[in-house]
Amino acid sequence: MELEFIPVEEFYFALTLAVRTLEEINKPGLSEKVRVRLEKEYGQSSTVAAASQNTFNYVFRVKNVDNSPAPQLILSLADWQGALRISSDYGWNLDQDRKPVRTEKFQTRNEFSQQVQKYLDDWLELGLME
């Protein structure tokens, strides 16, 4: 797994139409720790937060993970009311009308979520898997 940051200048809402929450982790101080680390590495988040309950949303293209039939895989790290929200379009794709539909990969979203948490744990040293 490899993450490629999508800066605000390249972010388009259409990329996230199929993104759904994978995990919401309500561990005191975790979302702030993630925000500080991502801001230090990437600067401004991918989207400008519009409400006080959501102050950041860093969006990434995920490389080296199969999300077929979708042409790409998106991962979002955001805060929501103090919790860390990890979201992705893994197991979802847009149909002809641009509506999200489940794919065969939907059945393995839990495994993908665990893989993402381990990756984030190793990369950002978060203690998620404790």
N, C-alpha and C. Protein backbone atom coordinates (compact mmCIF):
# COMPACT_ATOMS: atom_id res chain seq x y z
N MET A 1 0.86 -1.18 0.00
CA MET A 1 0.00 0.00 0.00
C MET A 1 0.90 1.23 0.00
N GLU A 2 0.50 2.19 -0.80
CA GLU A 2 1.22 3.47 -0.87
C GLU A 2 0.17 4.57 -1.02
N LEU A 3 0.36 5.68 -0.32
CA LEU A 3 -0.60 6.79 -0.39
C LEU A 3 0.01 7.95 -1.15
N GLU A 4 -0.79 8.51 -2.06
CA GLU A 4 -0.40 9.70 -2.82
C GLU A 4 -1.36 10.82 -2.45
N PHE A 5 -0.84 11.86 -1.81
CA PHE A 5 -1.65 12.97 -1.33
C PHE A 5 -2.30 13.72 -2.48
N ILE A 6 -3.57 14.08 -2.30
CA ILE A 6 -4.30 14.89 -3.28
C ILE A 6 -4.48 16.29 -2.66
N PRO A 7 -3.71 17.28 -3.13
CA PRO A 7 -3.84 18.63 -2.57
C PRO A 7 -5.15 19.29 -2.97
N VAL A 8 -5.49 20.35 -2.25
CA VAL A 8 -6.76 21.03 -2.47
C VAL A 8 -6.91 21.50 -3.91
N GLU A 9 -5.81 21.86 -4.56
CA GLU A 9 -5.88 22.34 -5.95
C GLU A 9 -6.31 21.24 -6.92
N GLU A 10 -6.10 19.98 -6.57
CA GLU A 10 -6.45 18.86 -7.45
C GLU A 10 -7.70 18.12 -7.00
N PHE A 11 -8.24 18.51 -5.88
CA PHE A 11 -9.39 17.78 -5.33
C PHE A 11 -10.67 18.15 -6.06
N TYR A 12 -11.41 17.15 -6.45
CA TYR A 12 -12.71 17.36 -7.08
C TYR A 12 -13.72 16.51 -6.32
N PHE A 13 -14.88 17.05 -6.04
CA PHE A 13 -15.87 16.30 -5.28
C PHE A 13 -16.24 14.98 -5.95
N ALA A 14 -16.24 14.95 -7.26
CA ALA A 14 -16.61 13.73 -7.97
C ALA A 14 -15.74 12.55 -7.58
N LEU A 15 -14.52 12.80 -7.15
CA LEU A 15 -13.63 11.72 -6.74
C LEU A 15 -14.16 11.00 -5.50
N THR A 16 -14.97 11.67 -4.70
CA THR A 16 -15.36 11.10 -3.42
C THR A 16 -16.83 10.71 -3.35
N LEU A 17 -17.52 10.67 -4.45
CA LEU A 17 -18.95 10.33 -4.43
C LEU A 17 -19.21 8.95 -3.84
N ALA A 18 -18.27 8.03 -3.99
CA ALA A 18 -18.48 6.67 -3.50
C ALA A 18 -17.78 6.43 -2.16
N VAL A 19 -17.14 7.43 -1.60
CA VAL A 19 -16.41 7.25 -0.34
C VAL A 19 -17.40 7.07 0.82
N ARG A 20 -17.15 6.03 1.61
CA ARG A 20 -17.97 5.72 2.78
C ARG A 20 -17.05 5.49 3.97
N THR A 21 -17.54 5.72 5.16
CA THR A 21 -16.74 5.55 6.38
C THR A 21 -16.32 4.09 6.54
N LEU A 22 -15.01 3.89 6.78
CA LEU A 22 -14.48 2.57 7.12
C LEU A 22 -14.47 2.39 8.63
N GLU A 23 -13.93 3.39 9.32
CA GLU A 23 -13.80 3.35 10.78
C GLU A 23 -13.94 4.76 11.33
N GLU A 24 -14.46 4.85 12.52
CA GLU A 24 -14.48 6.11 13.24
C GLU A 24 -13.89 5.80 14.61
N ILE A 25 -12.73 6.35 14.89
CA ILE A 25 -11.99 6.02 16.10
C ILE A 25 -12.05 7.22 17.04
N ASN A 26 -12.68 7.00 18.18
CA ASN A 26 -12.85 8.07 19.16
C ASN A 26 -11.89 7.84 20.32
N LYS A 27 -10.63 8.13 20.07
CA LYS A 27 -9.56 7.97 21.05
C LYS A 27 -9.06 9.38 21.38
N PRO A 28 -9.12 9.80 22.64
CA PRO A 28 -8.75 11.17 23.00
C PRO A 28 -7.40 11.60 22.42
N GLY A 29 -7.43 12.73 21.72
CA GLY A 29 -6.22 13.32 21.16
C GLY A 29 -5.76 12.75 19.84
N LEU A 30 -6.37 11.65 19.39
CA LEU A 30 -5.91 10.99 18.16
C LEU A 30 -6.10 11.86 16.93
N SER A 31 -7.29 12.43 16.74
CA SER A 31 -7.51 13.21 15.52
C SER A 31 -6.60 14.43 15.49
N GLU A 32 -6.34 15.04 16.63
CA GLU A 32 -5.42 16.19 16.67
C GLU A 32 -4.00 15.76 16.33
N LYS A 33 -3.58 14.61 16.83
CA LYS A 33 -2.25 14.07 16.52
C LYS A 33 -2.11 13.84 15.01
N VAL A 34 -3.14 13.26 14.40
CA VAL A 34 -3.14 13.00 12.96
C VAL A 34 -3.10 14.32 12.20
N ARG A 35 -3.92 15.29 12.61
CA ARG A 35 -3.95 16.60 11.94
C ARG A 35 -2.57 17.24 11.96
N VAL A 36 -1.92 17.26 13.11
CA VAL A 36 -0.61 17.89 13.24
C VAL A 36 0.42 17.20 12.34
N ARG A 37 0.43 15.88 12.34
CA ARG A 37 1.40 15.15 11.52
C ARG A 37 1.16 15.35 10.02
N LEU A 38 -0.11 15.30 9.61
CA LEU A 38 -0.40 15.47 8.19
C LEU A 38 -0.17 16.91 7.74
N GLU A 39 -0.52 17.86 8.59
CA GLU A 39 -0.27 19.27 8.25
C GLU A 39 1.23 19.53 8.11
N LYS A 40 2.03 18.94 8.97
CA LYS A 40 3.48 19.12 8.89
C LYS A 40 4.02 18.53 7.59
N GLU A 41 3.50 17.37 7.19
CA GLU A 41 3.99 16.70 5.98
C GLU A 41 3.43 17.29 4.69
N TYR A 42 2.14 17.67 4.68
CA TYR A 42 1.48 18.07 3.44
C TYR A 42 0.98 19.50 3.41
N GLY A 43 0.98 20.19 4.53
CA GLY A 43 0.43 21.55 4.55
C GLY A 43 -1.08 21.51 4.61
N GLN A 44 -1.72 22.38 3.85
CA GLN A 44 -3.18 22.49 3.84
C GLN A 44 -3.83 21.17 3.45
N SER A 45 -4.95 20.86 4.10
CA SER A 45 -5.65 19.62 3.80
C SER A 45 -6.28 19.67 2.40
N SER A 46 -6.76 18.54 1.94
CA SER A 46 -7.30 18.41 0.58
C SER A 46 -8.59 19.19 0.37
N THR A 47 -9.38 19.31 1.41
CA THR A 47 -10.62 20.06 1.31
C THR A 47 -10.68 21.06 2.45
N VAL A 48 -11.37 22.13 2.22
CA VAL A 48 -11.54 23.15 3.24
C VAL A 48 -12.76 22.79 4.06
N ALA A 49 -12.55 22.60 5.35
CA ALA A 49 -13.65 22.21 6.23
C ALA A 49 -14.64 23.35 6.37
N ALA A 50 -15.91 22.99 6.35
CA ALA A 50 -16.97 24.01 6.36
C ALA A 50 -17.67 24.13 7.70
N ALA A 51 -17.31 23.30 8.66
CA ALA A 51 -18.03 23.31 9.93
C ALA A 51 -17.07 23.07 11.09
N SER A 52 -17.47 23.48 12.28
CA SER A 52 -16.59 23.34 13.44
C SER A 52 -16.40 21.88 13.83
N GLN A 53 -17.33 20.99 13.50
CA GLN A 53 -17.18 19.59 13.85
C GLN A 53 -16.22 18.85 12.93
N ASN A 54 -15.76 19.50 11.87
CA ASN A 54 -14.83 18.91 10.91
C ASN A 54 -13.80 19.97 10.54
N THR A 55 -12.55 19.78 10.99
CA THR A 55 -11.54 20.81 10.75
C THR A 55 -10.48 20.41 9.72
N PHE A 56 -10.40 19.13 9.36
CA PHE A 56 -9.46 18.73 8.31
C PHE A 56 -9.98 17.50 7.57
N ASN A 57 -9.51 17.34 6.33
CA ASN A 57 -9.81 16.17 5.52
C ASN A 57 -8.67 16.00 4.52
N TYR A 58 -7.77 15.09 4.80
CA TYR A 58 -6.66 14.79 3.90
C TYR A 58 -7.07 13.59 3.05
N VAL A 59 -6.98 13.76 1.73
CA VAL A 59 -7.44 12.75 0.79
C VAL A 59 -6.24 12.21 0.02
N PHE A 60 -6.23 10.89 -0.18
CA PHE A 60 -5.12 10.22 -0.85
C PHE A 60 -5.63 9.26 -1.90
N ARG A 61 -4.82 9.09 -2.95
CA ARG A 61 -5.01 7.98 -3.87
C ARG A 61 -4.21 6.83 -3.28
N VAL A 62 -4.80 5.65 -3.24
CA VAL A 62 -4.11 4.49 -2.70
C VAL A 62 -3.53 3.70 -3.87
N LYS A 63 -2.24 3.48 -3.80
CA LYS A 63 -1.54 2.72 -4.85
C LYS A 63 -1.29 1.30 -4.34
N ASN A 64 -1.17 0.37 -5.26
CA ASN A 64 -0.82 -1.02 -4.97
C ASN A 64 -1.89 -1.78 -4.19
N VAL A 65 -3.15 -1.36 -4.32
CA VAL A 65 -4.29 -2.10 -3.76
C VAL A 65 -5.35 -2.17 -4.85
N ASP A 66 -5.80 -3.36 -5.15
CA ASP A 66 -6.79 -3.57 -6.21
C ASP A 66 -8.18 -3.16 -5.73
N ASN A 67 -8.80 -2.25 -6.47
CA ASN A 67 -10.18 -1.85 -6.18
C ASN A 67 -11.05 -2.02 -7.43
N SER A 68 -10.67 -2.98 -8.28
CA SER A 68 -11.42 -3.18 -9.51
C SER A 68 -12.87 -3.53 -9.19
N PRO A 69 -13.79 -3.09 -9.98
CA PRO A 69 -13.64 -2.49 -11.29
C PRO A 69 -13.40 -0.98 -11.27
N ALA A 70 -13.34 -0.36 -10.10
CA ALA A 70 -13.08 1.09 -10.04
C ALA A 70 -11.67 1.37 -10.56
N PRO A 71 -11.50 2.48 -11.27
CA PRO A 71 -10.20 2.78 -11.86
C PRO A 71 -9.16 3.27 -10.84
N GLN A 72 -9.59 3.64 -9.64
CA GLN A 72 -8.65 4.10 -8.62
C GLN A 72 -9.23 3.81 -7.24
N LEU A 73 -8.47 4.12 -6.22
CA LEU A 73 -8.90 3.90 -4.85
C LEU A 73 -8.58 5.15 -4.05
N ILE A 74 -9.56 5.65 -3.32
CA ILE A 74 -9.43 6.88 -2.54
C ILE A 74 -9.52 6.55 -1.05
N LEU A 75 -8.69 7.25 -0.26
CA LEU A 75 -8.71 7.14 1.20
C LEU A 75 -8.76 8.55 1.76
N SER A 76 -9.61 8.75 2.74
CA SER A 76 -9.78 10.05 3.38
C SER A 76 -9.52 9.92 4.87
N LEU A 77 -8.73 10.84 5.42
CA LEU A 77 -8.49 10.92 6.86
C LEU A 77 -9.01 12.27 7.31
N ALA A 78 -10.02 12.25 8.18
CA ALA A 78 -10.67 13.48 8.60
C ALA A 78 -11.01 13.39 10.08
N ASP A 79 -11.29 14.55 10.65
CA ASP A 79 -11.83 14.55 12.00
C ASP A 79 -13.32 14.80 11.90
N TRP A 80 -14.05 14.20 12.79
CA TRP A 80 -15.50 14.43 12.84
C TRP A 80 -15.92 14.43 14.30
N GLN A 81 -16.27 15.59 14.78
CA GLN A 81 -16.70 15.77 16.16
C GLN A 81 -15.68 15.17 17.13
N GLY A 82 -14.38 15.41 16.84
CA GLY A 82 -13.30 14.98 17.71
C GLY A 82 -12.78 13.57 17.46
N ALA A 83 -13.46 12.79 16.63
CA ALA A 83 -13.02 11.43 16.32
C ALA A 83 -12.25 11.44 15.00
N LEU A 84 -11.38 10.45 14.82
CA LEU A 84 -10.70 10.26 13.54
C LEU A 84 -11.59 9.41 12.67
N ARG A 85 -11.96 9.94 11.51
CA ARG A 85 -12.80 9.20 10.56
C ARG A 85 -11.94 8.78 9.38
N ILE A 86 -11.87 7.47 9.17
CA ILE A 86 -11.14 6.90 8.03
C ILE A 86 -12.19 6.44 7.03
N SER A 87 -12.13 6.97 5.82
CA SER A 87 -13.14 6.65 4.81
C SER A 87 -12.46 6.24 3.51
N SER A 88 -13.17 5.47 2.71
CA SER A 88 -12.63 5.03 1.43
C SER A 88 -13.77 4.59 0.51
N ASP A 89 -13.45 4.54 -0.77
CA ASP A 89 -14.40 4.01 -1.74
C ASP A 89 -14.09 2.55 -2.06
N TYR A 90 -13.26 1.92 -1.24
CA TYR A 90 -12.96 0.50 -1.44
C TYR A 90 -14.27 -0.29 -1.39
N GLY A 91 -14.51 -1.10 -2.42
CA GLY A 91 -15.73 -1.89 -2.49
C GLY A 91 -16.92 -1.15 -3.06
N TRP A 92 -16.70 0.05 -3.52
CA TRP A 92 -17.76 0.85 -4.14
C TRP A 92 -17.27 1.33 -5.50
N ASN A 93 -18.21 1.57 -6.39
CA ASN A 93 -17.91 2.14 -7.70
C ASN A 93 -19.11 2.98 -8.10
N LEU A 94 -18.92 3.87 -9.04
CA LEU A 94 -20.03 4.68 -9.55
C LEU A 94 -20.62 4.03 -10.78
N ASP A 95 -21.95 3.94 -10.83
CA ASP A 95 -22.60 3.38 -12.01
C ASP A 95 -22.70 4.44 -13.10
N GLN A 96 -23.42 4.13 -14.16
CA GLN A 96 -23.55 5.06 -15.29
C GLN A 96 -24.17 6.39 -14.89
N ASP A 97 -25.02 6.37 -13.89
CA ASP A 97 -25.67 7.59 -13.41
C ASP A 97 -24.88 8.28 -12.31
N ARG A 98 -23.65 7.81 -12.08
CA ARG A 98 -22.74 8.35 -11.05
C ARG A 98 -23.28 8.13 -9.64
N LYS A 99 -24.03 7.05 -9.46
CA LYS A 99 -24.53 6.67 -8.14
C LYS A 99 -23.64 5.54 -7.61
N PRO A 100 -23.31 5.59 -6.31
CA PRO A 100 -22.46 4.54 -5.74
C PRO A 100 -23.17 3.19 -5.68
N VAL A 101 -22.47 2.16 -6.13
CA VAL A 101 -22.97 0.78 -6.05
C VAL A 101 -21.86 -0.10 -5.47
N ARG A 102 -22.27 -1.12 -4.73
CA ARG A 102 -21.30 -2.04 -4.14
C ARG A 102 -20.70 -2.93 -5.22
N THR A 103 -19.42 -3.26 -5.04
CA THR A 103 -18.75 -4.21 -5.92
C THR A 103 -18.48 -5.49 -5.13
N GLU A 104 -17.90 -6.48 -5.79
CA GLU A 104 -17.55 -7.73 -5.12
C GLU A 104 -16.59 -7.49 -3.95
N LYS A 105 -15.77 -6.46 -4.04
CA LYS A 105 -14.78 -6.16 -3.00
C LYS A 105 -15.44 -5.65 -1.71
N PHE A 106 -16.71 -5.28 -1.78
CA PHE A 106 -17.39 -4.76 -0.60
C PHE A 106 -17.31 -5.73 0.58
N GLN A 107 -17.34 -7.02 0.28
CA GLN A 107 -17.30 -8.05 1.32
C GLN A 107 -15.99 -8.04 2.11
N THR A 108 -14.95 -7.44 1.55
CA THR A 108 -13.65 -7.42 2.23
C THR A 108 -13.28 -6.03 2.77
N ARG A 109 -14.28 -5.17 2.95
CA ARG A 109 -14.00 -3.83 3.50
C ARG A 109 -13.39 -3.90 4.90
N ASN A 110 -13.84 -4.83 5.74
CA ASN A 110 -13.27 -4.94 7.09
C ASN A 110 -11.79 -5.28 7.04
N GLU A 111 -11.41 -6.19 6.17
CA GLU A 111 -10.00 -6.55 6.02
C GLU A 111 -9.20 -5.36 5.51
N PHE A 112 -9.77 -4.64 4.54
CA PHE A 112 -9.10 -3.45 4.02
C PHE A 112 -8.94 -2.40 5.13
N SER A 113 -9.96 -2.23 5.94
CA SER A 113 -9.91 -1.28 7.04
C SER A 113 -8.77 -1.63 8.00
N GLN A 114 -8.62 -2.90 8.32
CA GLN A 114 -7.53 -3.34 9.20
C GLN A 114 -6.17 -3.07 8.56
N GLN A 115 -6.07 -3.30 7.25
CA GLN A 115 -4.83 -3.04 6.52
C GLN A 115 -4.49 -1.55 6.56
N VAL A 116 -5.50 -0.70 6.37
CA VAL A 116 -5.30 0.75 6.42
C VAL A 116 -4.85 1.18 7.81
N GLN A 117 -5.51 0.68 8.84
CA GLN A 117 -5.14 1.06 10.21
C GLN A 117 -3.71 0.65 10.53
N LYS A 118 -3.31 -0.55 10.10
CA LYS A 118 -1.93 -0.99 10.32
C LYS A 118 -0.96 -0.08 9.58
N TYR A 119 -1.29 0.26 8.34
CA TYR A 119 -0.43 1.16 7.55
C TYR A 119 -0.29 2.51 8.26
N LEU A 120 -1.42 3.08 8.69
CA LEU A 120 -1.38 4.38 9.36
C LEU A 120 -0.62 4.29 10.68
N ASP A 121 -0.81 3.20 11.39
CA ASP A 121 -0.11 2.96 12.65
C ASP A 121 1.40 3.00 12.43
N ASP A 122 1.86 2.26 11.41
CA ASP A 122 3.29 2.21 11.11
C ASP A 122 3.81 3.55 10.61
N TRP A 123 3.07 4.17 9.70
CA TRP A 123 3.49 5.41 9.06
C TRP A 123 3.48 6.59 10.03
N LEU A 124 2.39 6.76 10.74
CA LEU A 124 2.22 7.94 11.61
C LEU A 124 2.46 7.64 13.10
N GLU A 125 2.76 6.37 13.41
CA GLU A 125 3.02 5.95 14.79
C GLU A 125 1.89 6.39 15.72
N LEU A 126 0.69 5.87 15.45
CA LEU A 126 -0.51 6.33 16.13
C LEU A 126 -0.98 5.46 17.29
N GLY A 127 -0.57 4.22 17.34
CA GLY A 127 -1.06 3.33 18.38
C GLY A 127 -2.49 2.88 18.15
N LEU A 128 -2.92 2.80 16.88
CA LEU A 128 -4.29 2.39 16.56
C LEU A 128 -4.54 0.93 16.87
N MET A 129 -3.55 0.10 16.67
CA MET A 129 -3.75 -1.33 16.76
C MET A 129 -3.57 -1.86 18.19
N GLU A 130 -3.37 -0.98 19.14
CA GLU A 130 -3.17 -1.41 20.54
C GLU A 130 -4.48 -1.83 21.16
